[in-house]
Amino acid sequence: MSFDLMYPRRHHFSTRQTTVLAAIALIGAGMSGCASVQSGLGFADRTMDVRSPVATEAEQLAHTDRPMPKFTDIPPLPTDVRPAPQYGMAAARVEAARAELEQQTAPESWSLTASEDFASQARRQTPETAPASPADTEAFAAAARKRATPPPPVKR
């Protein structure tokens, strides 16, 4: 088998030929896009669904001649808004508060030492109640078991 059959020569296009081919391809793609827009999207042949609750109002609005808006219709800038630099200053205050809170609640800022004082204070604030008797505990457990027992299966 010859080398030419296994590896055929490639045709190299000149810059001008490449430019012409690219221009033809782009023009063809553009024209096919125009053709599909004119013929295939189907915007013109759509009809209004008369069963729609807004059909009559939409039909009236679609066929109403209204004046086009003008640039003079744009409202003036509001005057009761704080200037942009104040937003940055407020954000800086929030960031400072965040940093302070993180510093106050950092792991090294608290410990579990001297917890007896806290426990004794909690005991003083808790009212004295008598613990439940064993009979009350058993009655509660029996009632809970009764509620948790599933009903018997249906007889067939």
N, C-alpha and C. Protein backbone atom coordinates (compact mmCIF):
# COMPACT_ATOMS: atom_id res chain seq x y z
N MET A 1 0.84 -1.16 0.00
CA MET A 1 0.00 0.00 0.00
C MET A 1 0.90 1.23 0.00
N SER A 2 0.52 2.19 -0.77
CA SER A 2 1.39 3.36 -0.90
C SER A 2 1.09 4.38 0.20
N PHE A 3 2.04 5.20 0.42
CA PHE A 3 1.94 6.23 1.45
C PHE A 3 0.84 7.23 1.13
N ASP A 4 0.64 7.56 -0.16
CA ASP A 4 -0.36 8.53 -0.57
C ASP A 4 -1.78 8.04 -0.30
N LEU A 5 -2.01 6.74 -0.38
CA LEU A 5 -3.34 6.21 -0.11
C LEU A 5 -3.65 6.19 1.38
N MET A 6 -2.63 5.94 2.16
CA MET A 6 -2.86 5.91 3.60
C MET A 6 -3.01 7.31 4.18
N TYR A 7 -2.23 8.23 3.72
CA TYR A 7 -2.25 9.59 4.24
C TYR A 7 -2.45 10.56 3.08
N PRO A 8 -3.68 10.79 2.68
CA PRO A 8 -3.88 11.71 1.55
C PRO A 8 -3.47 13.13 1.94
N ARG A 9 -3.07 13.89 0.96
CA ARG A 9 -2.67 15.28 1.21
C ARG A 9 -3.87 16.11 1.59
N ARG A 10 -3.64 16.96 2.49
CA ARG A 10 -4.72 17.87 2.91
C ARG A 10 -4.64 19.12 2.07
N HIS A 11 -5.84 19.62 1.74
CA HIS A 11 -5.89 20.85 0.95
C HIS A 11 -5.79 22.03 1.90
N HIS A 12 -4.87 22.91 1.66
CA HIS A 12 -4.72 24.11 2.47
C HIS A 12 -5.33 25.28 1.73
N PHE A 13 -6.26 25.95 2.40
CA PHE A 13 -6.92 27.10 1.79
C PHE A 13 -6.10 28.35 2.05
N SER A 14 -6.18 29.27 1.11
CA SER A 14 -5.51 30.56 1.32
C SER A 14 -6.37 31.41 2.24
N THR A 15 -5.82 32.48 2.72
CA THR A 15 -6.55 33.37 3.61
C THR A 15 -7.78 33.94 2.91
N ARG A 16 -7.64 34.28 1.67
CA ARG A 16 -8.77 34.85 0.92
C ARG A 16 -9.86 33.81 0.75
N GLN A 17 -9.50 32.56 0.41
CA GLN A 17 -10.50 31.52 0.25
C GLN A 17 -11.22 31.24 1.57
N THR A 18 -10.49 31.22 2.66
CA THR A 18 -11.09 31.00 3.97
C THR A 18 -12.05 32.12 4.33
N THR A 19 -11.66 33.36 4.03
CA THR A 19 -12.52 34.51 4.32
C THR A 19 -13.80 34.44 3.51
N VAL A 20 -13.71 34.09 2.23
CA VAL A 20 -14.89 34.00 1.37
C VAL A 20 -15.81 32.89 1.85
N LEU A 21 -15.25 31.73 2.20
CA LEU A 21 -16.07 30.62 2.71
C LEU A 21 -16.76 30.99 4.01
N ALA A 22 -16.07 31.67 4.90
CA ALA A 22 -16.66 32.09 6.16
C ALA A 22 -17.78 33.10 5.93
N ALA A 23 -17.57 34.04 5.01
CA ALA A 23 -18.59 35.03 4.71
C ALA A 23 -19.83 34.37 4.13
N ILE A 24 -19.66 33.41 3.24
CA ILE A 24 -20.80 32.70 2.66
C ILE A 24 -21.56 31.94 3.75
N ALA A 25 -20.83 31.30 4.64
CA ALA A 25 -21.48 30.55 5.72
C ALA A 25 -22.26 31.48 6.64
N LEU A 26 -21.68 32.63 6.97
CA LEU A 26 -22.37 33.58 7.84
C LEU A 26 -23.61 34.17 7.18
N ILE A 27 -23.50 34.51 5.91
CA ILE A 27 -24.66 35.06 5.20
C ILE A 27 -25.76 34.00 5.12
N GLY A 28 -25.38 32.77 4.84
CA GLY A 28 -26.38 31.70 4.78
C GLY A 28 -27.05 31.47 6.12
N ALA A 29 -26.27 31.49 7.19
CA ALA A 29 -26.85 31.31 8.53
C ALA A 29 -27.78 32.45 8.87
N GLY A 30 -27.37 33.67 8.53
CA GLY A 30 -28.22 34.82 8.81
C GLY A 30 -29.52 34.78 8.03
N MET A 31 -29.44 34.40 6.77
CA MET A 31 -30.65 34.35 5.95
C MET A 31 -31.56 33.22 6.40
N SER A 32 -31.01 32.13 6.85
CA SER A 32 -31.88 31.05 7.32
C SER A 32 -32.55 31.46 8.62
N GLY A 33 -31.88 32.25 9.45
CA GLY A 33 -32.50 32.76 10.66
C GLY A 33 -33.65 33.70 10.35
N CYS A 34 -33.47 34.56 9.37
CA CYS A 34 -34.55 35.47 8.97
C CYS A 34 -35.73 34.69 8.41
N ALA A 35 -35.45 33.68 7.64
CA ALA A 35 -36.53 32.90 7.05
C ALA A 35 -37.32 32.18 8.13
N SER A 36 -36.63 31.66 9.14
CA SER A 36 -37.36 30.95 10.18
C SER A 36 -38.16 31.91 11.04
N VAL A 37 -37.66 33.14 11.25
CA VAL A 37 -38.41 34.11 12.04
C VAL A 37 -39.67 34.52 11.30
N GLN A 38 -39.57 34.70 10.00
CA GLN A 38 -40.73 35.14 9.24
C GLN A 38 -41.76 34.03 9.13
N SER A 39 -41.33 32.79 9.02
CA SER A 39 -42.29 31.75 8.71
C SER A 39 -42.65 30.85 9.89
N GLY A 40 -41.72 30.64 10.83
CA GLY A 40 -41.95 29.53 11.72
C GLY A 40 -42.29 29.80 13.16
N LEU A 41 -42.11 31.00 13.69
CA LEU A 41 -42.34 31.18 15.10
C LEU A 41 -43.82 31.23 15.45
N GLY A 42 -44.64 31.64 14.55
CA GLY A 42 -46.08 31.57 14.75
C GLY A 42 -46.65 32.61 15.68
N PHE A 43 -46.01 33.76 15.79
CA PHE A 43 -46.58 34.79 16.64
C PHE A 43 -47.82 35.40 16.02
N ALA A 44 -47.85 35.51 14.72
CA ALA A 44 -48.96 36.19 14.07
C ALA A 44 -50.23 35.34 14.07
N ASP A 45 -50.11 34.03 14.03
CA ASP A 45 -51.31 33.20 13.92
C ASP A 45 -51.87 32.76 15.26
N ARG A 46 -51.35 33.27 16.37
CA ARG A 46 -51.88 32.92 17.69
C ARG A 46 -53.19 33.67 17.93
N THR A 47 -54.15 32.97 18.50
CA THR A 47 -55.43 33.59 18.83
C THR A 47 -55.59 33.61 20.33
N MET A 48 -56.43 34.47 20.81
CA MET A 48 -56.67 34.63 22.24
C MET A 48 -57.60 33.51 22.71
N ASP A 49 -57.30 32.94 23.85
CA ASP A 49 -58.18 31.95 24.45
C ASP A 49 -59.34 32.70 25.08
N VAL A 50 -60.52 32.57 24.52
CA VAL A 50 -61.67 33.35 24.98
C VAL A 50 -62.17 32.88 26.33
N ARG A 51 -61.76 31.69 26.76
CA ARG A 51 -62.19 31.20 28.08
C ARG A 51 -61.37 31.80 29.21
N SER A 52 -60.31 32.49 28.88
CA SER A 52 -59.44 33.08 29.89
C SER A 52 -60.18 34.21 30.61
N PRO A 53 -60.01 34.33 31.93
CA PRO A 53 -60.71 35.39 32.66
C PRO A 53 -60.23 36.80 32.31
N VAL A 54 -59.06 36.91 31.72
CA VAL A 54 -58.54 38.23 31.37
C VAL A 54 -58.54 38.47 29.87
N ALA A 55 -59.23 37.63 29.13
CA ALA A 55 -59.17 37.71 27.66
C ALA A 55 -59.70 39.04 27.14
N THR A 56 -60.81 39.50 27.66
CA THR A 56 -61.39 40.75 27.14
C THR A 56 -60.50 41.94 27.46
N GLU A 57 -60.00 41.98 28.69
CA GLU A 57 -59.13 43.10 29.07
C GLU A 57 -57.82 43.08 28.28
N ALA A 58 -57.26 41.88 28.07
CA ALA A 58 -56.02 41.78 27.30
C ALA A 58 -56.24 42.19 25.86
N GLU A 59 -57.37 41.82 25.30
CA GLU A 59 -57.68 42.20 23.92
C GLU A 59 -57.82 43.72 23.80
N GLN A 60 -58.47 44.35 24.77
CA GLN A 60 -58.62 45.81 24.73
C GLN A 60 -57.26 46.49 24.86
N LEU A 61 -56.41 46.01 25.78
CA LEU A 61 -55.10 46.63 25.98
C LEU A 61 -54.19 46.43 24.77
N ALA A 62 -54.34 45.29 24.09
CA ALA A 62 -53.49 45.03 22.93
C ALA A 62 -53.83 45.93 21.76
N HIS A 63 -55.06 46.36 21.66
CA HIS A 63 -55.48 47.16 20.52
C HIS A 63 -55.70 48.63 20.87
N THR A 64 -55.30 49.04 22.05
CA THR A 64 -55.45 50.43 22.45
C THR A 64 -54.23 51.22 22.02
N ASP A 65 -54.46 52.35 21.37
CA ASP A 65 -53.35 53.23 21.01
C ASP A 65 -53.04 54.11 22.21
N ARG A 66 -51.84 53.94 22.72
CA ARG A 66 -51.41 54.74 23.86
C ARG A 66 -50.16 55.51 23.46
N PRO A 67 -49.97 56.66 24.07
CA PRO A 67 -48.76 57.43 23.72
C PRO A 67 -47.52 56.73 24.27
N MET A 68 -46.45 56.85 23.52
CA MET A 68 -45.19 56.27 23.94
C MET A 68 -44.63 57.08 25.11
N PRO A 69 -44.00 56.45 26.07
CA PRO A 69 -43.41 57.21 27.18
C PRO A 69 -42.24 58.06 26.70
N LYS A 70 -42.00 59.14 27.44
CA LYS A 70 -40.91 60.05 27.11
C LYS A 70 -39.91 60.07 28.26
N PHE A 71 -38.73 60.54 27.99
CA PHE A 71 -37.73 60.66 29.04
C PHE A 71 -38.16 61.67 30.10
N THR A 72 -38.99 62.61 29.74
CA THR A 72 -39.47 63.59 30.71
C THR A 72 -40.44 62.96 31.70
N ASP A 73 -40.96 61.77 31.39
CA ASP A 73 -41.88 61.08 32.30
C ASP A 73 -41.15 60.39 33.45
N ILE A 74 -39.83 60.27 33.36
CA ILE A 74 -39.06 59.63 34.43
C ILE A 74 -39.08 60.56 35.64
N PRO A 75 -39.45 60.04 36.81
CA PRO A 75 -39.52 60.91 37.99
C PRO A 75 -38.13 61.37 38.43
N PRO A 76 -38.07 62.50 39.12
CA PRO A 76 -36.76 62.98 39.59
C PRO A 76 -36.22 62.06 40.70
N LEU A 77 -34.92 62.17 40.93
CA LEU A 77 -34.29 61.38 41.98
C LEU A 77 -34.87 61.76 43.34
N PRO A 78 -35.08 60.80 44.22
CA PRO A 78 -35.62 61.13 45.54
C PRO A 78 -34.61 61.92 46.36
N THR A 79 -35.12 62.79 47.19
CA THR A 79 -34.25 63.63 48.03
C THR A 79 -34.23 63.17 49.48
N ASP A 80 -35.13 62.25 49.87
CA ASP A 80 -35.21 61.82 51.26
C ASP A 80 -34.44 60.53 51.52
N VAL A 81 -33.44 60.23 50.70
CA VAL A 81 -32.62 59.04 50.85
C VAL A 81 -31.23 59.46 51.34
N ARG A 82 -30.69 58.68 52.28
CA ARG A 82 -29.37 59.04 52.80
C ARG A 82 -28.31 58.89 51.71
N PRO A 83 -27.26 59.66 51.76
CA PRO A 83 -26.21 59.58 50.75
C PRO A 83 -25.49 58.23 50.79
N ALA A 84 -24.92 57.85 49.68
CA ALA A 84 -24.26 56.55 49.56
C ALA A 84 -23.15 56.33 50.58
N PRO A 85 -22.32 57.32 50.92
CA PRO A 85 -21.27 57.06 51.93
C PRO A 85 -21.82 56.65 53.30
N GLN A 86 -23.05 57.09 53.62
CA GLN A 86 -23.62 56.72 54.91
C GLN A 86 -23.95 55.23 54.98
N TYR A 87 -24.27 54.64 53.83
CA TYR A 87 -24.50 53.19 53.82
C TYR A 87 -23.22 52.46 54.19
N GLY A 88 -22.10 52.93 53.69
CA GLY A 88 -20.82 52.32 54.02
C GLY A 88 -20.47 52.49 55.49
N MET A 89 -20.79 53.66 56.04
CA MET A 89 -20.51 53.88 57.46
C MET A 89 -21.37 52.98 58.33
N ALA A 90 -22.64 52.79 57.94
CA ALA A 90 -23.52 51.89 58.70
C ALA A 90 -23.01 50.45 58.61
N ALA A 91 -22.55 50.06 57.44
CA ALA A 91 -22.01 48.71 57.29
C ALA A 91 -20.76 48.54 58.14
N ALA A 92 -19.94 49.56 58.24
CA ALA A 92 -18.74 49.48 59.08
C ALA A 92 -19.12 49.33 60.55
N ARG A 93 -20.18 50.02 60.99
CA ARG A 93 -20.64 49.88 62.38
C ARG A 93 -21.13 48.45 62.63
N VAL A 94 -21.84 47.88 61.68
CA VAL A 94 -22.32 46.50 61.84
C VAL A 94 -21.14 45.55 61.92
N GLU A 95 -20.14 45.74 61.09
CA GLU A 95 -18.95 44.88 61.12
C GLU A 95 -18.20 45.03 62.45
N ALA A 96 -18.14 46.24 62.98
CA ALA A 96 -17.47 46.44 64.27
C ALA A 96 -18.23 45.74 65.39
N ALA A 97 -19.57 45.81 65.34
CA ALA A 97 -20.38 45.12 66.35
C ALA A 97 -20.19 43.61 66.24
N ARG A 98 -20.09 43.09 65.02
CA ARG A 98 -19.86 41.67 64.82
C ARG A 98 -18.52 41.25 65.42
N ALA A 99 -17.49 42.04 65.16
CA ALA A 99 -16.16 41.71 65.68
C ALA A 99 -16.16 41.74 67.21
N GLU A 100 -16.84 42.73 67.80
CA GLU A 100 -16.91 42.82 69.26
C GLU A 100 -17.64 41.62 69.85
N LEU A 101 -18.75 41.21 69.22
CA LEU A 101 -19.50 40.06 69.70
C LEU A 101 -18.68 38.78 69.58
N GLU A 102 -17.95 38.63 68.48
CA GLU A 102 -17.10 37.45 68.33
C GLU A 102 -16.00 37.43 69.38
N GLN A 103 -15.47 38.60 69.72
CA GLN A 103 -14.43 38.66 70.74
C GLN A 103 -14.99 38.30 72.11
N GLN A 104 -16.21 38.76 72.40
CA GLN A 104 -16.81 38.49 73.70
C GLN A 104 -17.22 37.03 73.87
N THR A 105 -17.55 36.37 72.75
CA THR A 105 -18.02 34.99 72.84
C THR A 105 -16.99 33.98 72.34
N ALA A 106 -15.78 34.38 72.22
CA ALA A 106 -14.72 33.47 71.76
C ALA A 106 -14.53 32.34 72.78
N PRO A 107 -14.05 31.19 72.37
CA PRO A 107 -13.90 30.06 73.29
C PRO A 107 -13.03 30.36 74.50
N GLU A 108 -12.04 31.20 74.35
CA GLU A 108 -11.16 31.47 75.49
C GLU A 108 -11.75 32.52 76.44
N SER A 109 -12.94 33.06 76.15
CA SER A 109 -13.50 34.12 76.99
C SER A 109 -14.40 33.59 78.10
N TRP A 110 -14.64 32.28 78.16
CA TRP A 110 -15.46 31.72 79.22
C TRP A 110 -14.90 30.36 79.64
N SER A 111 -15.32 29.90 80.82
CA SER A 111 -14.86 28.61 81.30
C SER A 111 -15.95 28.00 82.16
N LEU A 112 -15.76 26.75 82.53
CA LEU A 112 -16.73 26.05 83.36
C LEU A 112 -16.32 26.05 84.83
N THR A 113 -15.38 26.88 85.21
CA THR A 113 -14.98 26.95 86.62
C THR A 113 -16.00 27.77 87.38
N ALA A 114 -16.07 27.55 88.67
CA ALA A 114 -16.99 28.25 89.57
C ALA A 114 -18.44 28.04 89.15
N SER A 115 -18.77 26.84 88.72
CA SER A 115 -20.14 26.57 88.32
C SER A 115 -21.03 26.25 89.51
N GLU A 116 -20.46 26.04 90.68
CA GLU A 116 -21.26 25.77 91.87
C GLU A 116 -22.10 26.99 92.25
N ASP A 117 -21.57 28.18 92.08
CA ASP A 117 -22.35 29.39 92.37
C ASP A 117 -23.58 29.45 91.47
N PHE A 118 -23.39 29.14 90.19
CA PHE A 118 -24.49 29.16 89.25
C PHE A 118 -25.53 28.10 89.63
N ALA A 119 -25.08 26.90 90.01
CA ALA A 119 -26.00 25.82 90.37
C ALA A 119 -26.77 26.16 91.64
N SER A 120 -26.12 26.74 92.62
CA SER A 120 -26.82 27.09 93.86
C SER A 120 -27.84 28.19 93.62
N GLN A 121 -27.53 29.13 92.75
CA GLN A 121 -28.50 30.17 92.41
C GLN A 121 -29.71 29.56 91.70
N ALA A 122 -29.49 28.62 90.79
CA ALA A 122 -30.59 27.96 90.09
C ALA A 122 -31.44 27.15 91.07
N ARG A 123 -30.81 26.52 92.05
CA ARG A 123 -31.57 25.76 93.05
C ARG A 123 -32.42 26.68 93.90
N ARG A 124 -31.91 27.86 94.22
CA ARG A 124 -32.68 28.81 95.02
C ARG A 124 -33.90 29.32 94.25
N GLN A 125 -33.78 29.45 92.93
CA GLN A 125 -34.88 29.98 92.13
C GLN A 125 -35.93 28.91 91.80
N THR A 126 -35.58 27.65 91.95
CA THR A 126 -36.51 26.57 91.64
C THR A 126 -37.37 26.28 92.86
N PRO A 127 -38.72 26.21 92.68
CA PRO A 127 -39.57 25.92 93.84
C PRO A 127 -39.38 24.48 94.31
N GLU A 128 -39.55 24.31 95.63
CA GLU A 128 -39.41 22.98 96.21
C GLU A 128 -40.65 22.17 95.87
N THR A 129 -40.48 21.05 95.21
CA THR A 129 -41.58 20.14 94.92
C THR A 129 -41.17 18.77 95.40
N ALA A 130 -42.15 18.06 95.91
CA ALA A 130 -41.86 16.71 96.40
C ALA A 130 -41.71 15.78 95.22
N PRO A 131 -40.75 14.88 95.26
CA PRO A 131 -40.64 13.93 94.17
C PRO A 131 -41.85 13.00 94.14
N ALA A 132 -42.15 12.48 92.96
CA ALA A 132 -43.29 11.59 92.81
C ALA A 132 -43.03 10.29 93.54
N SER A 133 -44.13 9.73 94.10
CA SER A 133 -43.98 8.46 94.82
C SER A 133 -43.84 7.32 93.81
N PRO A 134 -43.29 6.20 94.22
CA PRO A 134 -43.17 5.06 93.30
C PRO A 134 -44.52 4.61 92.75
N ALA A 135 -45.58 4.74 93.54
CA ALA A 135 -46.90 4.33 93.07
C ALA A 135 -47.37 5.25 91.94
N ASP A 136 -47.11 6.58 92.08
CA ASP A 136 -47.48 7.52 91.01
C ASP A 136 -46.70 7.21 89.73
N THR A 137 -45.44 6.87 89.89
CA THR A 137 -44.62 6.56 88.73
C THR A 137 -45.12 5.31 88.02
N GLU A 138 -45.49 4.28 88.78
CA GLU A 138 -46.01 3.04 88.19
C GLU A 138 -47.34 3.28 87.51
N ALA A 139 -48.20 4.10 88.10
CA ALA A 139 -49.51 4.40 87.48
C ALA A 139 -49.31 5.14 86.16
N PHE A 140 -48.37 6.08 86.15
CA PHE A 140 -48.09 6.81 84.90
C PHE A 140 -47.57 5.87 83.83
N ALA A 141 -46.67 4.96 84.21
CA ALA A 141 -46.10 4.02 83.25
C ALA A 141 -47.17 3.07 82.72
N ALA A 142 -48.08 2.61 83.58
CA ALA A 142 -49.15 1.71 83.14
C ALA A 142 -50.08 2.41 82.17
N ALA A 143 -50.40 3.67 82.42
CA ALA A 143 -51.28 4.43 81.51
C ALA A 143 -50.58 4.65 80.17
N ALA A 144 -49.29 4.90 80.20
CA ALA A 144 -48.55 5.10 78.95
C ALA A 144 -48.49 3.81 78.15
N ARG A 145 -48.29 2.67 78.84
CA ARG A 145 -48.28 1.39 78.12
C ARG A 145 -49.64 1.08 77.51
N LYS A 146 -50.70 1.43 78.24
CA LYS A 146 -52.05 1.16 77.73
C LYS A 146 -52.31 1.98 76.46
N ARG A 147 -51.86 3.24 76.48
CA ARG A 147 -52.02 4.08 75.28
C ARG A 147 -51.16 3.58 74.14
N ALA A 148 -50.03 2.99 74.43
CA ALA A 148 -49.11 2.55 73.39
C ALA A 148 -49.46 1.18 72.83
N THR A 149 -50.38 0.45 73.46
CA THR A 149 -50.74 -0.88 72.97
C THR A 149 -51.59 -0.74 71.72
N PRO A 150 -51.20 -1.39 70.62
CA PRO A 150 -51.99 -1.27 69.41
C PRO A 150 -53.32 -2.03 69.54
N PRO A 151 -54.31 -1.67 68.78
CA PRO A 151 -55.59 -2.38 68.85
C PRO A 151 -55.42 -3.80 68.30
N PRO A 152 -56.32 -4.71 68.70
CA PRO A 152 -56.20 -6.08 68.19
C PRO A 152 -56.48 -6.13 66.70
N PRO A 153 -55.96 -7.14 66.00
CA PRO A 153 -56.18 -7.23 64.55
C PRO A 153 -57.67 -7.50 64.25
N VAL A 154 -58.05 -7.09 63.07
CA VAL A 154 -59.44 -7.27 62.65
C VAL A 154 -59.68 -8.75 62.35
N LYS A 155 -60.82 -9.28 62.86
CA LYS A 155 -61.14 -10.68 62.60
C LYS A 155 -61.76 -10.79 61.22
N ARG A 156 -61.34 -11.80 60.47
CA ARG A 156 -61.85 -11.96 59.11
C ARG A 156 -62.63 -13.22 58.98
